């Protein structure tokens, strides 16, 4: 029963992947309205150059939420100027129907341990997880939903290598790296997510 459960969960996780709207290069640019998470100060003789310099060095984070293809997203985009720095995807979905029998008899902690054990035997997951700048964590919540948290640090990771991995094939990493943060966020909104 345990091996069947591992197989079902692993297949479900790998098949759903990181369901995420990809952004196109030819969408209209929108002005960035955001919350400033942190600014670095610079000294300047004029107020206008200080303001412009401060805006381009400010680290900004935007969080977008919504449901796409049965998966609840809470995605946080962190950027500075026109450079995308980090992407955090918090994904929440129902466990596959095939796992409902096991879910009724197991605690979330037991299910999480089984899922993690099963994922460690998946070479696509292991290769993606072991990349620098990539963190992937699977768990089962108290209400027995499958949760995946994927952190991508674009300053540390090799985007071209990650884009070539089958684990990230549906994410569109090549489009993400070539897109400005405002275009990327617009693509997410057009895909159905709303700013929090």
N, C-alpha and C. Protein backbone atom coordinates (compact mmCIF):
# COMPACT_ATOMS: atom_id res chain seq x y z
N UNK A 1 0.83 -1.19 0.00
CA UNK A 1 0.00 0.00 0.00
C UNK A 1 0.87 1.25 0.00
N UNK A 2 1.94 1.23 0.81
CA UNK A 2 2.83 2.38 0.91
C UNK A 2 3.49 2.68 -0.44
N UNK A 3 3.95 1.64 -1.14
CA UNK A 3 4.60 1.84 -2.43
C UNK A 3 3.62 2.37 -3.46
N UNK A 4 2.38 1.88 -3.44
CA UNK A 4 1.36 2.36 -4.36
C UNK A 4 1.08 3.84 -4.10
N UNK A 5 0.98 4.20 -2.83
CA UNK A 5 0.73 5.59 -2.46
C UNK A 5 1.88 6.49 -2.94
N UNK A 6 3.12 6.05 -2.74
CA UNK A 6 4.28 6.82 -3.20
C UNK A 6 4.22 7.00 -4.71
N UNK A 7 3.92 5.93 -5.44
CA UNK A 7 3.85 5.99 -6.89
C UNK A 7 2.77 6.96 -7.36
N UNK A 8 1.59 6.88 -6.75
CA UNK A 8 0.48 7.75 -7.15
C UNK A 8 0.81 9.21 -6.87
N UNK A 9 1.30 9.50 -5.69
CA UNK A 9 1.63 10.88 -5.34
C UNK A 9 2.75 11.40 -6.22
N UNK A 10 3.79 10.61 -6.42
CA UNK A 10 4.92 11.05 -7.26
C UNK A 10 4.46 11.34 -8.67
N UNK A 11 3.66 10.45 -9.23
CA UNK A 11 3.16 10.67 -10.59
C UNK A 11 2.30 11.92 -10.65
N UNK A 12 1.46 12.11 -9.65
CA UNK A 12 0.60 13.29 -9.62
C UNK A 12 1.41 14.57 -9.55
N UNK A 13 2.42 14.59 -8.69
CA UNK A 13 3.25 15.78 -8.52
C UNK A 13 4.01 16.08 -9.80
N UNK A 14 4.59 15.05 -10.40
CA UNK A 14 5.37 15.27 -11.62
C UNK A 14 4.48 15.65 -12.79
N UNK A 15 3.27 15.09 -12.86
CA UNK A 15 2.38 15.43 -13.97
C UNK A 15 1.83 16.84 -13.85
N UNK A 16 1.51 17.26 -12.62
CA UNK A 16 1.00 18.62 -12.47
C UNK A 16 2.12 19.63 -12.60
N UNK A 17 3.32 19.26 -12.20
CA UNK A 17 4.47 20.15 -12.32
C UNK A 17 4.20 21.47 -11.64
N UNK A 18 4.77 22.48 -12.18
CA UNK A 18 4.58 23.82 -11.66
C UNK A 18 3.63 24.54 -12.61
N UNK A 19 2.34 24.34 -12.47
CA UNK A 19 1.37 24.98 -13.34
C UNK A 19 1.48 26.47 -13.13
N UNK A 20 1.84 27.15 -14.18
CA UNK A 20 2.15 28.56 -14.05
C UNK A 20 1.94 29.25 -15.38
N UNK A 21 1.29 30.42 -15.42
CA UNK A 21 1.10 31.10 -16.69
C UNK A 21 2.42 31.66 -17.19
N UNK A 22 2.75 31.37 -18.44
CA UNK A 22 3.96 31.94 -19.01
C UNK A 22 3.62 33.28 -19.62
N UNK A 23 4.56 34.17 -19.59
CA UNK A 23 4.31 35.50 -20.11
C UNK A 23 4.91 35.62 -21.49
N UNK A 24 4.22 36.35 -22.35
CA UNK A 24 4.70 36.55 -23.70
C UNK A 24 5.51 37.81 -23.80
N UNK A 25 6.37 37.88 -24.81
CA UNK A 25 7.24 39.05 -24.97
C UNK A 25 6.50 40.22 -25.60
N UNK A 26 5.39 39.96 -26.26
CA UNK A 26 4.74 41.02 -27.04
C UNK A 26 3.50 41.58 -26.35
N UNK A 27 3.40 41.45 -25.07
CA UNK A 27 2.28 42.02 -24.34
C UNK A 27 2.61 43.46 -23.96
N UNK A 28 1.58 44.31 -23.81
CA UNK A 28 1.85 45.71 -23.49
C UNK A 28 2.49 45.88 -22.13
N UNK A 29 3.36 46.87 -22.03
CA UNK A 29 4.05 47.16 -20.77
C UNK A 29 3.13 47.99 -19.87
N UNK A 30 3.12 47.67 -18.60
CA UNK A 30 2.32 48.43 -17.65
C UNK A 30 3.24 49.03 -16.61
N UNK A 31 2.87 50.20 -16.07
CA UNK A 31 3.73 50.79 -15.05
C UNK A 31 3.72 49.93 -13.79
N UNK A 32 4.85 49.88 -13.15
CA UNK A 32 4.97 49.06 -11.94
C UNK A 32 4.44 49.82 -10.74
N UNK A 33 3.38 49.28 -10.13
CA UNK A 33 2.87 49.81 -8.87
C UNK A 33 3.20 48.76 -7.85
N UNK A 34 3.91 49.14 -6.82
CA UNK A 34 4.38 48.09 -5.93
C UNK A 34 4.66 48.61 -4.54
N UNK A 35 4.90 47.64 -3.68
CA UNK A 35 5.34 47.93 -2.33
C UNK A 35 6.85 47.81 -2.32
N UNK A 36 7.51 48.76 -1.75
CA UNK A 36 8.97 48.70 -1.68
C UNK A 36 9.35 47.91 -0.44
N UNK A 37 10.06 46.83 -0.66
CA UNK A 37 10.47 45.98 0.45
C UNK A 37 11.70 46.54 1.15
N UNK A 38 12.63 47.06 0.35
CA UNK A 38 13.88 47.55 0.93
C UNK A 38 14.50 48.50 -0.08
N UNK A 39 15.06 49.60 0.36
CA UNK A 39 15.75 50.49 -0.56
C UNK A 39 17.17 50.67 -0.10
N UNK A 40 18.03 50.87 -1.07
CA UNK A 40 19.41 51.20 -0.70
C UNK A 40 19.58 52.68 -0.94
N UNK A 41 20.24 53.35 -0.04
CA UNK A 41 20.36 54.79 -0.15
C UNK A 41 21.60 55.15 -0.95
N UNK A 42 21.48 56.28 -1.64
CA UNK A 42 22.63 56.79 -2.37
C UNK A 42 22.68 58.29 -2.15
N UNK A 43 23.87 58.83 -2.01
CA UNK A 43 23.98 60.27 -1.79
C UNK A 43 24.13 60.96 -3.13
N UNK A 44 23.41 62.09 -3.25
CA UNK A 44 23.44 62.84 -4.50
C UNK A 44 23.18 64.31 -4.18
N UNK A 45 23.63 65.18 -5.06
CA UNK A 45 23.47 66.60 -4.79
C UNK A 45 22.07 67.08 -5.09
N UNK A 46 21.34 66.44 -5.99
CA UNK A 46 19.99 66.91 -6.30
C UNK A 46 18.96 65.88 -5.88
N UNK A 47 17.78 66.39 -5.47
CA UNK A 47 16.71 65.50 -5.02
C UNK A 47 16.20 64.61 -6.14
N UNK A 48 16.13 65.12 -7.37
CA UNK A 48 15.59 64.33 -8.47
C UNK A 48 16.49 63.16 -8.82
N UNK A 49 17.80 63.36 -8.79
CA UNK A 49 18.69 62.24 -9.11
C UNK A 49 18.70 61.23 -7.97
N UNK A 50 18.54 61.69 -6.73
CA UNK A 50 18.45 60.77 -5.60
C UNK A 50 17.19 59.93 -5.72
N UNK A 51 16.09 60.56 -6.08
CA UNK A 51 14.83 59.84 -6.22
C UNK A 51 14.91 58.80 -7.33
N UNK A 52 15.46 59.16 -8.48
CA UNK A 52 15.59 58.23 -9.61
C UNK A 52 16.53 57.09 -9.25
N UNK A 53 17.63 57.41 -8.59
CA UNK A 53 18.59 56.38 -8.20
C UNK A 53 17.98 55.42 -7.19
N UNK A 54 17.23 55.97 -6.23
CA UNK A 54 16.59 55.16 -5.20
C UNK A 54 15.56 54.22 -5.82
N UNK A 55 14.79 54.69 -6.81
CA UNK A 55 13.80 53.85 -7.46
C UNK A 55 14.45 52.69 -8.19
N UNK A 56 15.57 52.93 -8.86
CA UNK A 56 16.19 51.85 -9.63
C UNK A 56 16.92 50.85 -8.75
N UNK A 57 17.24 51.21 -7.50
CA UNK A 57 17.93 50.27 -6.62
C UNK A 57 16.99 49.68 -5.57
N UNK A 58 15.73 50.08 -5.59
CA UNK A 58 14.78 49.54 -4.62
C UNK A 58 14.47 48.08 -4.95
N UNK A 59 14.42 47.26 -3.93
CA UNK A 59 14.00 45.88 -4.12
C UNK A 59 12.51 45.83 -3.83
N UNK A 60 11.75 45.37 -4.82
CA UNK A 60 10.30 45.39 -4.78
C UNK A 60 9.78 43.96 -4.80
N UNK A 61 8.74 43.71 -4.01
CA UNK A 61 8.08 42.40 -4.03
C UNK A 61 6.60 42.58 -4.28
N UNK A 62 6.05 41.75 -5.15
CA UNK A 62 4.62 41.72 -5.41
C UNK A 62 4.15 40.29 -5.24
N UNK A 63 2.99 40.14 -4.61
CA UNK A 63 2.41 38.82 -4.42
C UNK A 63 1.11 38.75 -5.20
N UNK A 64 0.98 37.67 -5.98
CA UNK A 64 -0.22 37.45 -6.78
C UNK A 64 -0.83 36.12 -6.36
N UNK A 65 -2.16 36.10 -6.29
CA UNK A 65 -2.86 34.89 -5.84
C UNK A 65 -3.99 34.55 -6.81
N UNK A 66 -4.38 33.29 -6.79
CA UNK A 66 -5.50 32.84 -7.61
C UNK A 66 -5.44 31.35 -7.84
N UNK A 67 -6.46 30.85 -8.51
CA UNK A 67 -6.53 29.42 -8.83
C UNK A 67 -6.36 29.23 -10.32
N UNK A 68 -5.44 28.34 -10.69
CA UNK A 68 -5.19 28.00 -12.09
C UNK A 68 -5.21 26.48 -12.22
N UNK A 69 -6.08 25.99 -13.07
CA UNK A 69 -6.17 24.55 -13.34
C UNK A 69 -6.27 23.72 -12.07
N UNK A 70 -7.08 24.19 -11.12
CA UNK A 70 -7.29 23.43 -9.89
C UNK A 70 -6.19 23.55 -8.86
N UNK A 71 -5.23 24.43 -9.10
CA UNK A 71 -4.13 24.62 -8.15
C UNK A 71 -4.17 26.06 -7.65
N UNK A 72 -4.19 26.22 -6.33
CA UNK A 72 -4.18 27.56 -5.74
C UNK A 72 -2.75 28.08 -5.71
N UNK A 73 -2.55 29.27 -6.27
CA UNK A 73 -1.23 29.90 -6.33
C UNK A 73 -1.15 31.07 -5.36
N UNK A 74 0.00 31.21 -4.75
CA UNK A 74 0.39 32.43 -4.04
C UNK A 74 1.84 32.64 -4.44
N UNK A 75 2.03 33.48 -5.45
CA UNK A 75 3.34 33.66 -6.06
C UNK A 75 3.89 35.04 -5.74
N UNK A 76 5.13 35.07 -5.28
CA UNK A 76 5.78 36.33 -4.93
C UNK A 76 6.94 36.58 -5.88
N UNK A 77 6.89 37.73 -6.55
CA UNK A 77 7.92 38.14 -7.49
C UNK A 77 8.74 39.23 -6.82
N UNK A 78 10.06 39.06 -6.78
CA UNK A 78 10.95 40.06 -6.20
C UNK A 78 11.88 40.55 -7.30
N UNK A 79 11.98 41.88 -7.43
CA UNK A 79 12.81 42.44 -8.50
C UNK A 79 13.39 43.78 -8.10
N UNK A 80 14.40 44.21 -8.86
CA UNK A 80 15.02 45.52 -8.69
C UNK A 80 15.08 46.14 -10.08
N UNK A 81 14.41 47.27 -10.25
CA UNK A 81 14.39 47.91 -11.57
C UNK A 81 13.79 46.97 -12.60
N UNK A 82 14.55 46.70 -13.66
CA UNK A 82 14.10 45.79 -14.71
C UNK A 82 14.70 44.40 -14.58
N UNK A 83 15.19 44.06 -13.40
CA UNK A 83 15.82 42.76 -13.20
C UNK A 83 15.02 41.91 -12.22
N UNK A 84 14.58 40.76 -12.69
CA UNK A 84 13.87 39.81 -11.85
C UNK A 84 14.90 39.11 -10.96
N UNK A 85 14.69 39.15 -9.65
CA UNK A 85 15.64 38.56 -8.70
C UNK A 85 15.20 37.19 -8.21
N UNK A 86 13.94 37.09 -7.76
CA UNK A 86 13.46 35.84 -7.16
C UNK A 86 12.00 35.61 -7.51
N UNK A 87 11.64 34.35 -7.51
CA UNK A 87 10.25 33.95 -7.68
C UNK A 87 9.96 32.86 -6.66
N UNK A 88 8.93 33.07 -5.87
CA UNK A 88 8.50 32.06 -4.89
C UNK A 88 7.08 31.65 -5.25
N UNK A 89 6.89 30.37 -5.50
CA UNK A 89 5.57 29.84 -5.85
C UNK A 89 5.11 28.93 -4.72
N UNK A 90 3.99 29.28 -4.12
CA UNK A 90 3.36 28.44 -3.11
C UNK A 90 2.11 27.86 -3.75
N UNK A 91 2.13 26.56 -4.01
CA UNK A 91 1.07 25.88 -4.74
C UNK A 91 0.34 24.93 -3.81
N UNK A 92 -0.98 24.94 -3.88
CA UNK A 92 -1.79 24.10 -3.02
C UNK A 92 -2.86 23.42 -3.87
N UNK A 93 -2.93 22.09 -3.81
CA UNK A 93 -3.92 21.35 -4.59
C UNK A 93 -4.46 20.18 -3.79
N UNK A 94 -5.55 19.62 -4.27
CA UNK A 94 -6.11 18.42 -3.65
C UNK A 94 -5.19 17.24 -3.92
N UNK A 95 -5.17 16.31 -3.00
CA UNK A 95 -4.46 15.06 -3.24
C UNK A 95 -5.19 14.31 -4.35
N UNK A 96 -4.49 13.50 -5.12
CA UNK A 96 -5.18 12.74 -6.17
C UNK A 96 -6.22 11.80 -5.56
N UNK A 97 -7.30 11.56 -6.31
CA UNK A 97 -8.37 10.69 -5.81
C UNK A 97 -7.85 9.32 -5.42
N UNK A 98 -6.86 8.82 -6.16
CA UNK A 98 -6.30 7.50 -5.88
C UNK A 98 -5.68 7.42 -4.49
N UNK A 99 -5.31 8.55 -3.93
CA UNK A 99 -4.66 8.58 -2.62
C UNK A 99 -5.65 8.81 -1.49
N UNK A 100 -6.93 8.97 -1.80
CA UNK A 100 -7.90 9.31 -0.76
C UNK A 100 -8.04 8.21 0.30
N UNK A 101 -7.91 6.95 -0.10
CA UNK A 101 -7.98 5.85 0.87
C UNK A 101 -6.85 5.93 1.87
N UNK A 102 -5.64 6.14 1.38
CA UNK A 102 -4.48 6.25 2.26
C UNK A 102 -4.57 7.52 3.10
N UNK A 103 -5.10 8.59 2.49
CA UNK A 103 -5.19 9.86 3.21
C UNK A 103 -6.12 9.75 4.41
N UNK A 104 -7.13 8.90 4.31
CA UNK A 104 -8.08 8.75 5.41
C UNK A 104 -7.45 8.06 6.62
N UNK A 105 -6.43 7.25 6.39
CA UNK A 105 -5.84 6.48 7.50
C UNK A 105 -4.49 7.01 7.97
N UNK A 106 -3.93 7.98 7.27
CA UNK A 106 -2.59 8.47 7.61
C UNK A 106 -2.64 9.93 8.05
N UNK A 107 -1.70 10.30 8.90
CA UNK A 107 -1.60 11.70 9.32
C UNK A 107 -0.89 12.50 8.22
N UNK A 108 -1.05 13.83 8.22
CA UNK A 108 -0.34 14.66 7.24
C UNK A 108 1.18 14.47 7.32
N UNK A 109 1.70 14.28 8.53
CA UNK A 109 3.14 14.09 8.69
C UNK A 109 3.60 12.79 8.04
N UNK A 110 2.81 11.72 8.21
CA UNK A 110 3.15 10.44 7.58
C UNK A 110 3.10 10.56 6.06
N UNK A 111 2.06 11.23 5.56
CA UNK A 111 1.92 11.41 4.12
C UNK A 111 3.07 12.25 3.57
N UNK A 112 3.44 13.29 4.29
CA UNK A 112 4.56 14.15 3.87
C UNK A 112 5.84 13.34 3.78
N UNK A 113 6.10 12.51 4.78
CA UNK A 113 7.32 11.68 4.78
C UNK A 113 7.32 10.73 3.58
N UNK A 114 6.18 10.13 3.28
CA UNK A 114 6.09 9.21 2.14
C UNK A 114 6.30 9.94 0.83
N UNK A 115 5.69 11.12 0.70
CA UNK A 115 5.84 11.90 -0.54
C UNK A 115 7.30 12.30 -0.73
N UNK A 116 7.92 12.80 0.32
CA UNK A 116 9.33 13.21 0.21
C UNK A 116 10.22 12.03 -0.14
N UNK A 117 9.94 10.87 0.46
CA UNK A 117 10.71 9.66 0.15
C UNK A 117 10.52 9.28 -1.32
N UNK A 118 9.29 9.35 -1.78
CA UNK A 118 9.01 9.02 -3.18
C UNK A 118 9.66 10.00 -4.14
N UNK A 119 9.64 11.28 -3.79
CA UNK A 119 10.22 12.29 -4.68
C UNK A 119 11.73 12.13 -4.77
N UNK A 120 12.37 11.70 -3.70
CA UNK A 120 13.82 11.51 -3.72
C UNK A 120 14.24 10.41 -4.70
N UNK A 121 13.30 9.55 -5.09
CA UNK A 121 13.63 8.51 -6.06
C UNK A 121 13.33 8.95 -7.50
N UNK A 122 12.83 10.17 -7.67
CA UNK A 122 12.54 10.71 -9.01
C UNK A 122 13.74 11.53 -9.49
N UNK A 123 14.46 11.06 -10.52
CA UNK A 123 15.67 11.77 -10.95
C UNK A 123 15.41 13.21 -11.43
N UNK A 124 14.26 13.47 -12.06
CA UNK A 124 13.97 14.84 -12.53
C UNK A 124 13.86 15.81 -11.36
N UNK A 125 13.19 15.37 -10.30
CA UNK A 125 13.03 16.19 -9.10
C UNK A 125 14.38 16.42 -8.43
N UNK A 126 15.15 15.36 -8.25
CA UNK A 126 16.44 15.44 -7.57
C UNK A 126 17.38 16.38 -8.31
N UNK A 127 17.41 16.27 -9.64
CA UNK A 127 18.29 17.14 -10.43
C UNK A 127 17.88 18.61 -10.27
N UNK A 128 16.58 18.89 -10.31
CA UNK A 128 16.10 20.26 -10.16
C UNK A 128 16.37 20.78 -8.75
N UNK A 129 16.10 19.95 -7.75
CA UNK A 129 16.26 20.36 -6.35
C UNK A 129 17.71 20.64 -5.99
N UNK A 130 18.63 19.94 -6.63
CA UNK A 130 20.05 20.09 -6.31
C UNK A 130 20.72 21.26 -7.02
N UNK A 131 20.00 21.97 -7.87
CA UNK A 131 20.58 23.14 -8.54
C UNK A 131 20.77 24.28 -7.56
N UNK A 132 21.85 25.01 -7.73
CA UNK A 132 22.07 26.20 -6.90
C UNK A 132 21.00 27.23 -7.22
N UNK A 133 20.44 27.85 -6.19
CA UNK A 133 19.42 28.87 -6.37
C UNK A 133 18.01 28.31 -6.49
N UNK A 134 17.85 27.00 -6.31
CA UNK A 134 16.53 26.36 -6.42
C UNK A 134 16.23 25.63 -5.11
N UNK A 135 15.06 25.89 -4.56
CA UNK A 135 14.58 25.17 -3.38
C UNK A 135 13.19 24.65 -3.69
N UNK A 136 12.96 23.36 -3.47
CA UNK A 136 11.65 22.75 -3.73
C UNK A 136 11.27 21.95 -2.50
N UNK A 137 10.09 22.19 -1.99
CA UNK A 137 9.64 21.49 -0.79
C UNK A 137 8.19 21.04 -0.97
N UNK A 138 7.94 19.76 -0.75
CA UNK A 138 6.58 19.20 -0.81
C UNK A 138 6.14 18.82 0.59
N UNK A 139 4.85 19.03 0.87
CA UNK A 139 4.29 18.61 2.15
C UNK A 139 2.79 18.43 2.01
N UNK A 140 2.19 17.85 3.04
CA UNK A 140 0.74 17.70 3.11
C UNK A 140 0.28 18.55 4.28
N UNK A 141 -0.69 19.41 4.03
CA UNK A 141 -1.18 20.32 5.07
C UNK A 141 -2.10 19.59 6.04
N UNK A 142 -2.47 20.27 7.11
CA UNK A 142 -3.35 19.68 8.13
C UNK A 142 -4.70 19.27 7.55
N UNK A 143 -5.17 20.02 6.54
CA UNK A 143 -6.45 19.66 5.91
C UNK A 143 -6.25 18.72 4.71
N UNK A 144 -5.07 18.07 4.66
CA UNK A 144 -4.71 17.04 3.69
C UNK A 144 -4.78 17.53 2.24
N UNK A 145 -4.12 18.65 2.02
CA UNK A 145 -3.90 19.18 0.68
C UNK A 145 -2.42 19.05 0.38
N UNK A 146 -2.10 18.87 -0.89
CA UNK A 146 -0.71 18.78 -1.30
C UNK A 146 -0.16 20.18 -1.50
N UNK A 147 0.92 20.51 -0.81
CA UNK A 147 1.53 21.83 -0.91
C UNK A 147 2.94 21.70 -1.48
N UNK A 148 3.21 22.54 -2.47
CA UNK A 148 4.56 22.60 -3.04
C UNK A 148 5.03 24.04 -2.92
N UNK A 149 6.24 24.23 -2.44
CA UNK A 149 6.84 25.56 -2.37
C UNK A 149 8.11 25.51 -3.19
N UNK A 150 8.15 26.36 -4.22
CA UNK A 150 9.30 26.40 -5.13
C UNK A 150 9.89 27.81 -5.06
N UNK A 151 11.16 27.89 -4.67
CA UNK A 151 11.87 29.17 -4.63
C UNK A 151 12.94 29.16 -5.71
N UNK A 152 12.91 30.18 -6.57
CA UNK A 152 13.91 30.32 -7.63
C UNK A 152 14.65 31.64 -7.42
N UNK A 153 15.95 31.57 -7.25
CA UNK A 153 16.79 32.75 -7.08
C UNK A 153 17.55 32.94 -8.39
N UNK A 154 17.08 33.88 -9.22
CA UNK A 154 17.63 34.06 -10.56
C UNK A 154 19.06 34.61 -10.54
N UNK A 155 19.49 35.16 -9.42
CA UNK A 155 20.87 35.64 -9.33
C UNK A 155 21.85 34.49 -9.11
N UNK A 156 21.38 33.40 -8.52
CA UNK A 156 22.26 32.28 -8.21
C UNK A 156 22.12 31.11 -9.19
N UNK A 157 20.94 30.94 -9.77
CA UNK A 157 20.71 29.74 -10.57
C UNK A 157 21.13 29.92 -12.02
N UNK A 158 21.45 28.82 -12.65
CA UNK A 158 21.75 28.78 -14.08
C UNK A 158 20.42 28.58 -14.80
N UNK A 159 19.82 29.69 -15.27
CA UNK A 159 18.48 29.66 -15.85
C UNK A 159 18.43 28.78 -17.09
N UNK A 160 19.46 28.86 -17.93
CA UNK A 160 19.47 28.05 -19.16
C UNK A 160 19.47 26.56 -18.82
N UNK A 161 20.25 26.17 -17.83
CA UNK A 161 20.30 24.76 -17.43
C UNK A 161 18.96 24.34 -16.83
N UNK A 162 18.40 25.19 -15.96
CA UNK A 162 17.11 24.86 -15.35
C UNK A 162 16.01 24.73 -16.40
N UNK A 163 16.03 25.61 -17.41
CA UNK A 163 15.02 25.57 -18.47
C UNK A 163 15.09 24.27 -19.26
N UNK A 164 16.27 23.66 -19.31
CA UNK A 164 16.42 22.41 -20.07
C UNK A 164 15.96 21.19 -19.28
N UNK A 165 15.71 21.34 -17.98
CA UNK A 165 15.28 20.21 -17.16
C UNK A 165 13.79 19.94 -17.36
N UNK A 166 13.42 18.68 -17.43
CA UNK A 166 12.01 18.34 -17.65
C UNK A 166 11.14 18.78 -16.47
N UNK A 167 11.70 18.89 -15.27
CA UNK A 167 10.93 19.32 -14.11
C UNK A 167 10.36 20.73 -14.32
N UNK A 168 11.10 21.59 -15.01
CA UNK A 168 10.68 22.98 -15.21
C UNK A 168 10.13 23.26 -16.61
N UNK A 169 9.88 22.22 -17.41
CA UNK A 169 9.52 22.44 -18.82
C UNK A 169 8.27 23.31 -19.00
N UNK A 170 7.28 23.20 -18.11
CA UNK A 170 6.05 23.98 -18.26
C UNK A 170 6.14 25.37 -17.65
N UNK A 171 7.25 25.69 -17.04
CA UNK A 171 7.39 26.97 -16.35
C UNK A 171 7.78 28.10 -17.30
N UNK A 172 8.42 27.79 -18.41
CA UNK A 172 8.83 28.83 -19.36
C UNK A 172 9.96 29.70 -18.84
N UNK A 173 10.98 29.09 -18.26
CA UNK A 173 12.07 29.86 -17.66
C UNK A 173 12.80 30.75 -18.66
N UNK A 174 12.95 30.31 -19.90
CA UNK A 174 13.63 31.16 -20.89
C UNK A 174 12.84 32.44 -21.13
N UNK A 175 11.50 32.34 -21.16
CA UNK A 175 10.67 33.54 -21.31
C UNK A 175 10.80 34.43 -20.08
N UNK A 176 10.83 33.81 -18.91
CA UNK A 176 10.91 34.58 -17.67
C UNK A 176 12.21 35.38 -17.62
N UNK A 177 13.32 34.76 -17.98
CA UNK A 177 14.61 35.46 -17.86
C UNK A 177 14.73 36.60 -18.86
N UNK A 178 14.02 36.52 -19.99
CA UNK A 178 14.10 37.57 -21.01
C UNK A 178 13.00 38.62 -20.88
N UNK A 179 12.17 38.53 -19.86
CA UNK A 179 11.04 39.43 -19.70
C UNK A 179 11.28 40.38 -18.54
N UNK A 180 10.83 41.62 -18.70
CA UNK A 180 10.95 42.58 -17.59
C UNK A 180 9.96 42.18 -16.49
N UNK A 181 10.24 42.56 -15.26
CA UNK A 181 9.32 42.22 -14.17
C UNK A 181 7.89 42.70 -14.41
N UNK A 182 7.73 43.91 -14.95
CA UNK A 182 6.37 44.41 -15.17
C UNK A 182 5.64 43.57 -16.21
N UNK A 183 6.35 43.12 -17.25
CA UNK A 183 5.73 42.25 -18.25
C UNK A 183 5.41 40.88 -17.66
N UNK A 184 6.31 40.37 -16.83
CA UNK A 184 6.10 39.07 -16.20
C UNK A 184 4.86 39.12 -15.31
N UNK A 185 4.75 40.17 -14.51
CA UNK A 185 3.60 40.32 -13.61
C UNK A 185 2.33 40.50 -14.42
N UNK A 186 2.39 41.26 -15.50
CA UNK A 186 1.23 41.41 -16.37
C UNK A 186 0.80 40.05 -16.93
N UNK A 187 1.77 39.24 -17.35
CA UNK A 187 1.46 37.90 -17.86
C UNK A 187 0.78 37.05 -16.80
N UNK A 188 1.22 37.17 -15.56
CA UNK A 188 0.59 36.42 -14.46
C UNK A 188 -0.85 36.88 -14.26
N UNK A 189 -1.06 38.20 -14.34
CA UNK A 189 -2.41 38.73 -14.18
C UNK A 189 -3.31 38.29 -15.33
N UNK A 190 -2.78 38.33 -16.55
CA UNK A 190 -3.56 37.88 -17.70
C UNK A 190 -3.85 36.39 -17.61
N UNK A 191 -2.99 35.65 -16.92
CA UNK A 191 -3.20 34.22 -16.71
C UNK A 191 -4.24 33.92 -15.65
N UNK A 192 -4.69 34.93 -14.91
CA UNK A 192 -5.76 34.73 -13.94
C UNK A 192 -5.41 35.04 -12.50
N UNK A 193 -4.17 35.43 -12.22
CA UNK A 193 -3.80 35.76 -10.84
C UNK A 193 -4.11 37.22 -10.55
N UNK A 194 -4.35 37.53 -9.30
CA UNK A 194 -4.65 38.90 -8.88
C UNK A 194 -3.64 39.33 -7.82
N UNK A 195 -3.29 40.62 -7.88
CA UNK A 195 -2.34 41.15 -6.91
C UNK A 195 -2.96 41.19 -5.52
N UNK A 196 -2.18 40.76 -4.54
CA UNK A 196 -2.65 40.72 -3.15
C UNK A 196 -2.44 42.06 -2.49
